Amino acid sequence: MGSGDSETKARGYIEIDHEVCKGCQICIYFCPKDAISLSHKLNASGYMTVSFNDSGECTGCTKCAVVCPEVAIEVYRG
């Protein structure tokens, strides 16, 4: 029971600065858990940004933040 409960909880999550994101989708390609997808929202600059799919799969691996050329992603663990 105890170990099963911890497996269902998210170990990480990300926050995306939508005004900085240019929708290049590099983070989508590098996310090993498919926790990021292209949204249908436009930011003030007219870019279609990405969004975080909070399905509990994010491990907080930081790959998305490392590859983001605009430094628009912050990763949190826990």
PDB file of N, CA and C in Angstrom:
ATOM      1  N   MET A   1       0.813  -1.187   0.000  1.00  0.00           N
ATOM      2  CA  MET A   1       0.000   0.000   0.000  1.00  0.00           C
ATOM      3  C   MET A   1       0.857   1.252   0.000  1.00  0.00           C
ATOM      4  N   GLY A   2       1.817   1.343   0.888  1.00  0.00           N
ATOM      5  CA  GLY A   2       2.643   2.534   1.015  1.00  0.00           C
ATOM      6  C   GLY A   2       3.442   2.830  -0.232  1.00  0.00           C
ATOM      7  N   SER A   3       4.087   1.813  -0.797  1.00  0.00           N
ATOM      8  CA  SER A   3       4.892   2.050  -1.984  1.00  0.00           C
ATOM      9  C   SER A   3       4.016   2.309  -3.208  1.00  0.00           C
ATOM     10  N   GLY A   4       2.843   1.726  -3.265  1.00  0.00           N
ATOM     11  CA  GLY A   4       1.936   1.955  -4.385  1.00  0.00           C
ATOM     12  C   GLY A   4       1.412   3.376  -4.409  1.00  0.00           C
ATOM     13  N   ASP A   5       1.173   3.954  -3.212  1.00  0.00           N
ATOM     14  CA  ASP A   5       0.684   5.320  -3.132  1.00  0.00           C
ATOM     15  C   ASP A   5       1.718   6.305  -3.644  1.00  0.00           C
ATOM     16  N   SER A   6       2.987   6.096  -3.330  1.00  0.00           N
ATOM     17  CA  SER A   6       4.020   7.035  -3.755  1.00  0.00           C
ATOM     18  C   SER A   6       4.243   6.977  -5.264  1.00  0.00           C
ATOM     19  N   GLU A   7       3.959   5.848  -5.891  1.00  0.00           N
ATOM     20  CA  GLU A   7       4.128   5.724  -7.325  1.00  0.00           C
ATOM     21  C   GLU A   7       3.076   6.524  -8.083  1.00  0.00           C
ATOM     22  N   THR A   8       1.898   6.733  -7.495  1.00  0.00           N
ATOM     23  CA  THR A   8       0.845   7.457  -8.180  1.00  0.00           C
ATOM     24  C   THR A   8       0.980   8.968  -8.015  1.00  0.00           C
ATOM     25  N   LYS A   9       1.787   9.438  -7.094  1.00  0.00           N
ATOM     26  CA  LYS A   9       1.965  10.868  -6.881  1.00  0.00           C
ATOM     27  C   LYS A   9       3.011  11.414  -7.844  1.00  0.00           C
ATOM     28  N   ALA A  10       2.774  12.634  -8.289  1.00  0.00           N
ATOM     29  CA  ALA A  10       3.746  13.281  -9.170  1.00  0.00           C
ATOM     30  C   ALA A  10       5.016  13.579  -8.394  1.00  0.00           C
ATOM     31  N   ARG A  11       6.134  13.340  -9.033  1.00  0.00           N
ATOM     32  CA  ARG A  11       7.409  13.637  -8.397  1.00  0.00           C
ATOM     33  C   ARG A  11       7.924  14.993  -8.848  1.00  0.00           C
ATOM     34  N   GLY A  12       7.269  15.584  -9.800  1.00  0.00           N
ATOM     35  CA  GLY A  12       7.690  16.878 -10.290  1.00  0.00           C
ATOM     36  C   GLY A  12       6.580  17.567 -11.051  1.00  0.00           C
ATOM     37  N   TYR A  13       6.774  18.847 -11.294  1.00  0.00           N
ATOM     38  CA  TYR A  13       5.866  19.598 -12.150  1.00  0.00           C
ATOM     39  C   TYR A  13       6.626  20.781 -12.726  1.00  0.00           C
ATOM     40  N   ILE A  14       6.092  21.341 -13.778  1.00  0.00           N
ATOM     41  CA  ILE A  14       6.751  22.479 -14.394  1.00  0.00           C
ATOM     42  C   ILE A  14       5.796  23.663 -14.482  1.00  0.00           C
ATOM     43  N   GLU A  15       6.386  24.833 -14.553  1.00  0.00           N
ATOM     44  CA  GLU A  15       5.635  26.051 -14.815  1.00  0.00           C
ATOM     45  C   GLU A  15       6.230  26.677 -16.058  1.00  0.00           C
ATOM     46  N   ILE A  16       5.371  27.075 -16.964  1.00  0.00           N
ATOM     47  CA  ILE A  16       5.795  27.648 -18.241  1.00  0.00           C
ATOM     48  C   ILE A  16       5.420  29.120 -18.262  1.00  0.00           C
ATOM     49  N   ASP A  17       6.385  29.982 -18.560  1.00  0.00           N
ATOM     50  CA  ASP A  17       6.108  31.402 -18.724  1.00  0.00           C
ATOM     51  C   ASP A  17       5.595  31.581 -20.155  1.00  0.00           C
ATOM     52  N   HIS A  18       4.288  31.670 -20.297  1.00  0.00           N
ATOM     53  CA  HIS A  18       3.669  31.689 -21.618  1.00  0.00           C
ATOM     54  C   HIS A  18       4.012  32.940 -22.417  1.00  0.00           C
ATOM     55  N   GLU A  19       4.352  34.011 -21.752  1.00  0.00           N
ATOM     56  CA  GLU A  19       4.722  35.234 -22.473  1.00  0.00           C
ATOM     57  C   GLU A  19       6.139  35.150 -23.035  1.00  0.00           C
ATOM     58  N   VAL A  20       6.956  34.262 -22.519  1.00  0.00           N
ATOM     59  CA  VAL A  20       8.324  34.079 -23.003  1.00  0.00           C
ATOM     60  C   VAL A  20       8.383  32.947 -24.031  1.00  0.00           C
ATOM     61  N   CYS A  21       7.524  31.944 -23.880  1.00  0.00           N
ATOM     62  CA  CYS A  21       7.508  30.771 -24.767  1.00  0.00           C
ATOM     63  C   CYS A  21       7.194  31.181 -26.201  1.00  0.00           C
ATOM     64  N   LYS A  22       7.962  30.626 -27.149  1.00  0.00           N
ATOM     65  CA  LYS A  22       7.728  30.893 -28.573  1.00  0.00           C
ATOM     66  C   LYS A  22       7.175  29.671 -29.300  1.00  0.00           C
ATOM     67  N   GLY A  23       6.809  28.644 -28.551  1.00  0.00           N
ATOM     68  CA  GLY A  23       6.170  27.476 -29.147  1.00  0.00           C
ATOM     69  C   GLY A  23       7.060  26.666 -30.072  1.00  0.00           C
ATOM     70  N   CYS A  24       8.348  26.631 -29.815  1.00  0.00           N
ATOM     71  CA  CYS A  24       9.273  25.895 -30.691  1.00  0.00           C
ATOM     72  C   CYS A  24       9.093  24.385 -30.575  1.00  0.00           C
ATOM     73  N   GLN A  25       8.514  23.924 -29.498  1.00  0.00           N
ATOM     74  CA  GLN A  25       8.174  22.518 -29.247  1.00  0.00           C
ATOM     75  C   GLN A  25       9.368  21.615 -28.961  1.00  0.00           C
ATOM     76  N   ILE A  26      10.527  22.177 -28.742  1.00  0.00           N
ATOM     77  CA  ILE A  26      11.699  21.361 -28.405  1.00  0.00           C
ATOM     78  C   ILE A  26      11.452  20.604 -27.102  1.00  0.00           C
ATOM     79  N   CYS A  27      10.826  21.262 -26.140  1.00  0.00           N
ATOM     80  CA  CYS A  27      10.544  20.620 -24.855  1.00  0.00           C
ATOM     81  C   CYS A  27       9.626  19.415 -25.022  1.00  0.00           C
ATOM     82  N   ILE A  28       8.683  19.498 -25.950  1.00  0.00           N
ATOM     83  CA  ILE A  28       7.770  18.383 -26.206  1.00  0.00           C
ATOM     84  C   ILE A  28       8.553  17.170 -26.681  1.00  0.00           C
ATOM     85  N   TYR A  29       9.483  17.396 -27.574  1.00  0.00           N
ATOM     86  CA  TYR A  29      10.290  16.311 -28.130  1.00  0.00           C
ATOM     87  C   TYR A  29      11.151  15.630 -27.057  1.00  0.00           C
ATOM     88  N   PHE A  30      11.707  16.421 -26.138  1.00  0.00           N
ATOM     89  CA  PHE A  30      12.629  15.871 -25.144  1.00  0.00           C
ATOM     90  C   PHE A  30      11.956  15.334 -23.888  1.00  0.00           C
ATOM     91  N   CYS A  31      10.686  15.612 -23.651  1.00  0.00           N
ATOM     92  CA  CYS A  31      10.014  15.131 -22.438  1.00  0.00           C
ATOM     93  C   CYS A  31       9.812  13.615 -22.514  1.00  0.00           C
ATOM     94  N   PRO A  32      10.432  12.865 -21.609  1.00  0.00           N
ATOM     95  CA  PRO A  32      10.313  11.402 -21.661  1.00  0.00           C
ATOM     96  C   PRO A  32       8.947  10.886 -21.229  1.00  0.00           C
ATOM     97  N   LYS A  33       8.138  11.716 -20.621  1.00  0.00           N
ATOM     98  CA  LYS A  33       6.824  11.286 -20.124  1.00  0.00           C
ATOM     99  C   LYS A  33       5.664  11.896 -20.906  1.00  0.00           C
ATOM    100  N   ASP A  34       5.949  12.585 -21.989  1.00  0.00           N
ATOM    101  CA  ASP A  34       4.909  13.244 -22.797  1.00  0.00           C
ATOM    102  C   ASP A  34       3.998  14.121 -21.944  1.00  0.00           C
ATOM    103  N   ALA A  35       4.604  14.874 -21.039  1.00  0.00           N
ATOM    104  CA  ALA A  35       3.840  15.717 -20.121  1.00  0.00           C
ATOM    105  C   ALA A  35       3.670  17.143 -20.637  1.00  0.00           C
ATOM    106  N   ILE A  36       4.154  17.415 -21.845  1.00  0.00           N
ATOM    107  CA  ILE A  36       4.047  18.752 -22.424  1.00  0.00           C
ATOM    108  C   ILE A  36       3.423  18.619 -23.806  1.00  0.00           C
ATOM    109  N   SER A  37       2.513  19.538 -24.126  1.00  0.00           N
ATOM    110  CA  SER A  37       1.893  19.511 -25.443  1.00  0.00           C
ATOM    111  C   SER A  37       1.687  20.938 -25.938  1.00  0.00           C
ATOM    112  N   LEU A  38       1.432  21.064 -27.218  1.00  0.00           N
ATOM    113  CA  LEU A  38       1.168  22.367 -27.795  1.00  0.00           C
ATOM    114  C   LEU A  38      -0.241  22.787 -27.408  1.00  0.00           C
ATOM    115  N   SER A  39      -0.380  23.995 -26.918  1.00  0.00           N
ATOM    116  CA  SER A  39      -1.712  24.481 -26.546  1.00  0.00           C
ATOM    117  C   SER A  39      -2.299  25.254 -27.721  1.00  0.00           C
ATOM    118  N   HIS A  40      -3.514  25.686 -27.571  1.00  0.00           N
ATOM    119  CA  HIS A  40      -4.162  26.488 -28.608  1.00  0.00           C
ATOM    120  C   HIS A  40      -4.255  27.943 -28.183  1.00  0.00           C
ATOM    121  N   LYS A  41      -3.487  28.291 -27.130  1.00  0.00           N
ATOM    122  CA  LYS A  41      -3.479  29.666 -26.643  1.00  0.00           C
ATOM    123  C   LYS A  41      -2.339  30.435 -27.299  1.00  0.00           C
ATOM    124  N   LEU A  42      -2.622  31.676 -27.630  1.00  0.00           N
ATOM    125  CA  LEU A  42      -1.589  32.564 -28.149  1.00  0.00           C
ATOM    126  C   LEU A  42      -1.145  33.505 -27.041  1.00  0.00           C
ATOM    127  N   ASN A  43       0.149  33.796 -27.007  1.00  0.00           N
ATOM    128  CA  ASN A  43       0.627  34.787 -26.051  1.00  0.00           C
ATOM    129  C   ASN A  43       0.537  36.177 -26.690  1.00  0.00           C
ATOM    130  N   ALA A  44       0.970  37.202 -25.989  1.00  0.00           N
ATOM    131  CA  ALA A  44       0.861  38.577 -26.468  1.00  0.00           C
ATOM    132  C   ALA A  44       1.658  38.804 -27.755  1.00  0.00           C
ATOM    133  N   SER A  45       2.685  37.998 -27.989  1.00  0.00           N
ATOM    134  CA  SER A  45       3.494  38.130 -29.204  1.00  0.00           C
ATOM    135  C   SER A  45       2.923  37.341 -30.380  1.00  0.00           C
ATOM    136  N   GLY A  46       1.854  36.598 -30.149  1.00  0.00           N
ATOM    137  CA  GLY A  46       1.207  35.835 -31.208  1.00  0.00           C
ATOM    138  C   GLY A  46       1.720  34.422 -31.389  1.00  0.00           C
ATOM    139  N   TYR A  47       2.540  33.949 -30.444  1.00  0.00           N
ATOM    140  CA  TYR A  47       3.060  32.585 -30.525  1.00  0.00           C
ATOM    141  C   TYR A  47       2.090  31.612 -29.857  1.00  0.00           C
ATOM    142  N   MET A  48       1.900  30.446 -30.458  1.00  0.00           N
ATOM    143  CA  MET A  48       1.119  29.380 -29.845  1.00  0.00           C
ATOM    144  C   MET A  48       2.052  28.664 -28.874  1.00  0.00           C
ATOM    145  N   THR A  49       1.753  28.724 -27.604  1.00  0.00           N
ATOM    146  CA  THR A  49       2.660  28.219 -26.578  1.00  0.00           C
ATOM    147  C   THR A  49       2.389  26.759 -26.235  1.00  0.00           C
ATOM    148  N   VAL A  50       3.247  26.213 -25.384  1.00  0.00           N
ATOM    149  CA  VAL A  50       3.065  24.840 -24.913  1.00  0.00           C
ATOM    150  C   VAL A  50       2.391  24.852 -23.545  1.00  0.00           C
ATOM    151  N   SER A  51       1.856  23.712 -23.160  1.00  0.00           N
ATOM    152  CA  SER A  51       1.225  23.602 -21.843  1.00  0.00           C
ATOM    153  C   SER A  51       1.653  22.307 -21.176  1.00  0.00           C
ATOM    154  N   PHE A  52       1.600  22.322 -19.857  1.00  0.00           N
ATOM    155  CA  PHE A  52       1.967  21.168 -19.046  1.00  0.00           C
ATOM    156  C   PHE A  52       0.735  20.317 -18.812  1.00  0.00           C
ATOM    157  N   ASN A  53       0.830  19.034 -19.113  1.00  0.00           N
ATOM    158  CA  ASN A  53      -0.251  18.085 -18.879  1.00  0.00           C
ATOM    159  C   ASN A  53      -0.030  17.463 -17.501  1.00  0.00           C
ATOM    160  N   ASP A  54      -0.709  17.967 -16.518  1.00  0.00           N
ATOM    161  CA  ASP A  54      -0.484  17.536 -15.142  1.00  0.00           C
ATOM    162  C   ASP A  54      -1.181  16.207 -14.872  1.00  0.00           C
ATOM    163  N   SER A  55      -0.637  15.158 -15.466  1.00  0.00           N
ATOM    164  CA  SER A  55      -1.221  13.821 -15.319  1.00  0.00           C
ATOM    165  C   SER A  55      -0.525  13.004 -14.240  1.00  0.00           C
ATOM    166  N   GLY A  56       0.458  13.604 -13.567  1.00  0.00           N
ATOM    167  CA  GLY A  56       1.184  12.901 -12.531  1.00  0.00           C
ATOM    168  C   GLY A  56       2.368  12.122 -13.035  1.00  0.00           C
ATOM    169  N   GLU A  57       2.691  12.238 -14.306  1.00  0.00           N
ATOM    170  CA  GLU A  57       3.794  11.493 -14.893  1.00  0.00           C
ATOM    171  C   GLU A  57       5.131  12.213 -14.799  1.00  0.00           C
ATOM    172  N   CYS A  58       5.115  13.521 -14.610  1.00  0.00           N
ATOM    173  CA  CYS A  58       6.355  14.306 -14.588  1.00  0.00           C
ATOM    174  C   CYS A  58       7.277  13.830 -13.467  1.00  0.00           C
ATOM    175  N   THR A  59       8.531  13.597 -13.817  1.00  0.00           N
ATOM    176  CA  THR A  59       9.507  13.138 -12.830  1.00  0.00           C
ATOM    177  C   THR A  59      10.398  14.263 -12.334  1.00  0.00           C
ATOM    178  N   GLY A  60      10.292  15.444 -12.942  1.00  0.00           N
ATOM    179  CA  GLY A  60      11.164  16.546 -12.572  1.00  0.00           C
ATOM    180  C   GLY A  60      12.567  16.381 -13.114  1.00  0.00           C
ATOM    181  N   CYS A  61      12.694  15.731 -14.254  1.00  0.00           N
ATOM    182  CA  CYS A  61      14.017  15.403 -14.811  1.00  0.00           C
ATOM    183  C   CYS A  61      14.777  16.635 -15.316  1.00  0.00           C
ATOM    184  N   THR A  62      14.116  17.728 -15.564  1.00  0.00           N
ATOM    185  CA  THR A  62      14.653  19.020 -16.018  1.00  0.00           C
ATOM    186  C   THR A  62      15.063  19.057 -17.487  1.00  0.00           C
ATOM    187  N   LYS A  63      14.843  18.002 -18.239  1.00  0.00           N
ATOM    188  CA  LYS A  63      15.235  18.017 -19.656  1.00  0.00           C
ATOM    189  C   LYS A  63      14.555  19.153 -20.409  1.00  0.00           C
ATOM    190  N   CYS A  64      13.282  19.386 -20.136  1.00  0.00           N
ATOM    191  CA  CYS A  64      12.545  20.439 -20.830  1.00  0.00           C
ATOM    192  C   CYS A  64      13.158  21.813 -20.576  1.00  0.00           C
ATOM    193  N   ALA A  65      13.506  22.082 -19.329  1.00  0.00           N
ATOM    194  CA  ALA A  65      14.082  23.379 -18.980  1.00  0.00           C
ATOM    195  C   ALA A  65      15.474  23.558 -19.575  1.00  0.00           C
ATOM    196  N   VAL A  66      16.242  22.494 -19.617  1.00  0.00           N
ATOM    197  CA  VAL A  66      17.603  22.565 -20.143  1.00  0.00           C
ATOM    198  C   VAL A  66      17.593  22.870 -21.640  1.00  0.00           C
ATOM    199  N   VAL A  67      16.668  22.289 -22.391  1.00  0.00           N
ATOM    200  CA  VAL A  67      16.660  22.479 -23.838  1.00  0.00           C
ATOM    201  C   VAL A  67      15.877  23.710 -24.292  1.00  0.00           C
ATOM    202  N   CYS A  68      15.133  24.340 -23.410  1.00  0.00           N
ATOM    203  CA  CYS A  68      14.322  25.509 -23.792  1.00  0.00           C
ATOM    204  C   CYS A  68      15.219  26.692 -24.142  1.00  0.00           C
ATOM    205  N   PRO A  69      15.208  27.139 -25.406  1.00  0.00           N
ATOM    206  CA  PRO A  69      16.082  28.243 -25.801  1.00  0.00           C
ATOM    207  C   PRO A  69      15.650  29.589 -25.227  1.00  0.00           C
ATOM    208  N   GLU A  70      14.415  29.680 -24.762  1.00  0.00           N
ATOM    209  CA  GLU A  70      13.907  30.940 -24.218  1.00  0.00           C
ATOM    210  C   GLU A  70      13.924  30.979 -22.690  1.00  0.00           C
ATOM    211  N   VAL A  71      14.358  29.896 -22.061  1.00  0.00           N
ATOM    212  CA  VAL A  71      14.378  29.769 -20.595  1.00  0.00           C
ATOM    213  C   VAL A  71      12.981  30.097 -20.028  1.00  0.00           C
ATOM    214  N   ALA A  72      11.977  29.468 -20.630  1.00  0.00           N
ATOM    215  CA  ALA A  72      10.590  29.727 -20.253  1.00  0.00           C
ATOM    216  C   ALA A  72      10.022  28.684 -19.295  1.00  0.00           C
ATOM    217  N   ILE A  73      10.813  27.692 -18.904  1.00  0.00           N
ATOM    218  CA  ILE A  73      10.303  26.584 -18.087  1.00  0.00           C
ATOM    219  C   ILE A  73      11.058  26.504 -16.770  1.00  0.00           C
ATOM    220  N   GLU A  74      10.287  26.412 -15.690  1.00  0.00           N
ATOM    221  CA  GLU A  74      10.858  26.172 -14.360  1.00  0.00           C
ATOM    222  C   GLU A  74      10.368  24.808 -13.904  1.00  0.00           C
ATOM    223  N   VAL A  75      11.279  24.009 -13.367  1.00  0.00           N
ATOM    224  CA  VAL A  75      10.956  22.655 -12.921  1.00  0.00           C
ATOM    225  C   VAL A  75      10.978  22.601 -11.408  1.00  0.00           C
ATOM    226  N   TYR A  76       9.985  21.940 -10.840  1.00  0.00           N
ATOM    227  CA  TYR A  76       9.893  21.767  -9.389  1.00  0.00           C
ATOM    228  C   TYR A  76       9.774  20.280  -9.090  1.00  0.00           C
ATOM    229  N   ARG A  77      10.443  19.871  -8.042  1.00  0.00           N
ATOM    230  CA  ARG A  77      10.387  18.459  -7.623  1.00  0.00           C
ATOM    231  C   ARG A  77       9.719  18.357  -6.266  1.00  0.00           C
ATOM    232  N   GLY A  78       9.013  17.246  -6.087  1.00  0.00           N
ATOM    233  CA  GLY A  78       8.428  17.007  -4.780  1.00  0.00           C
ATOM    234  C   GLY A  78       6.962  16.813  -4.777  1.00  0.00           C
TER     235      GLY A  78
END
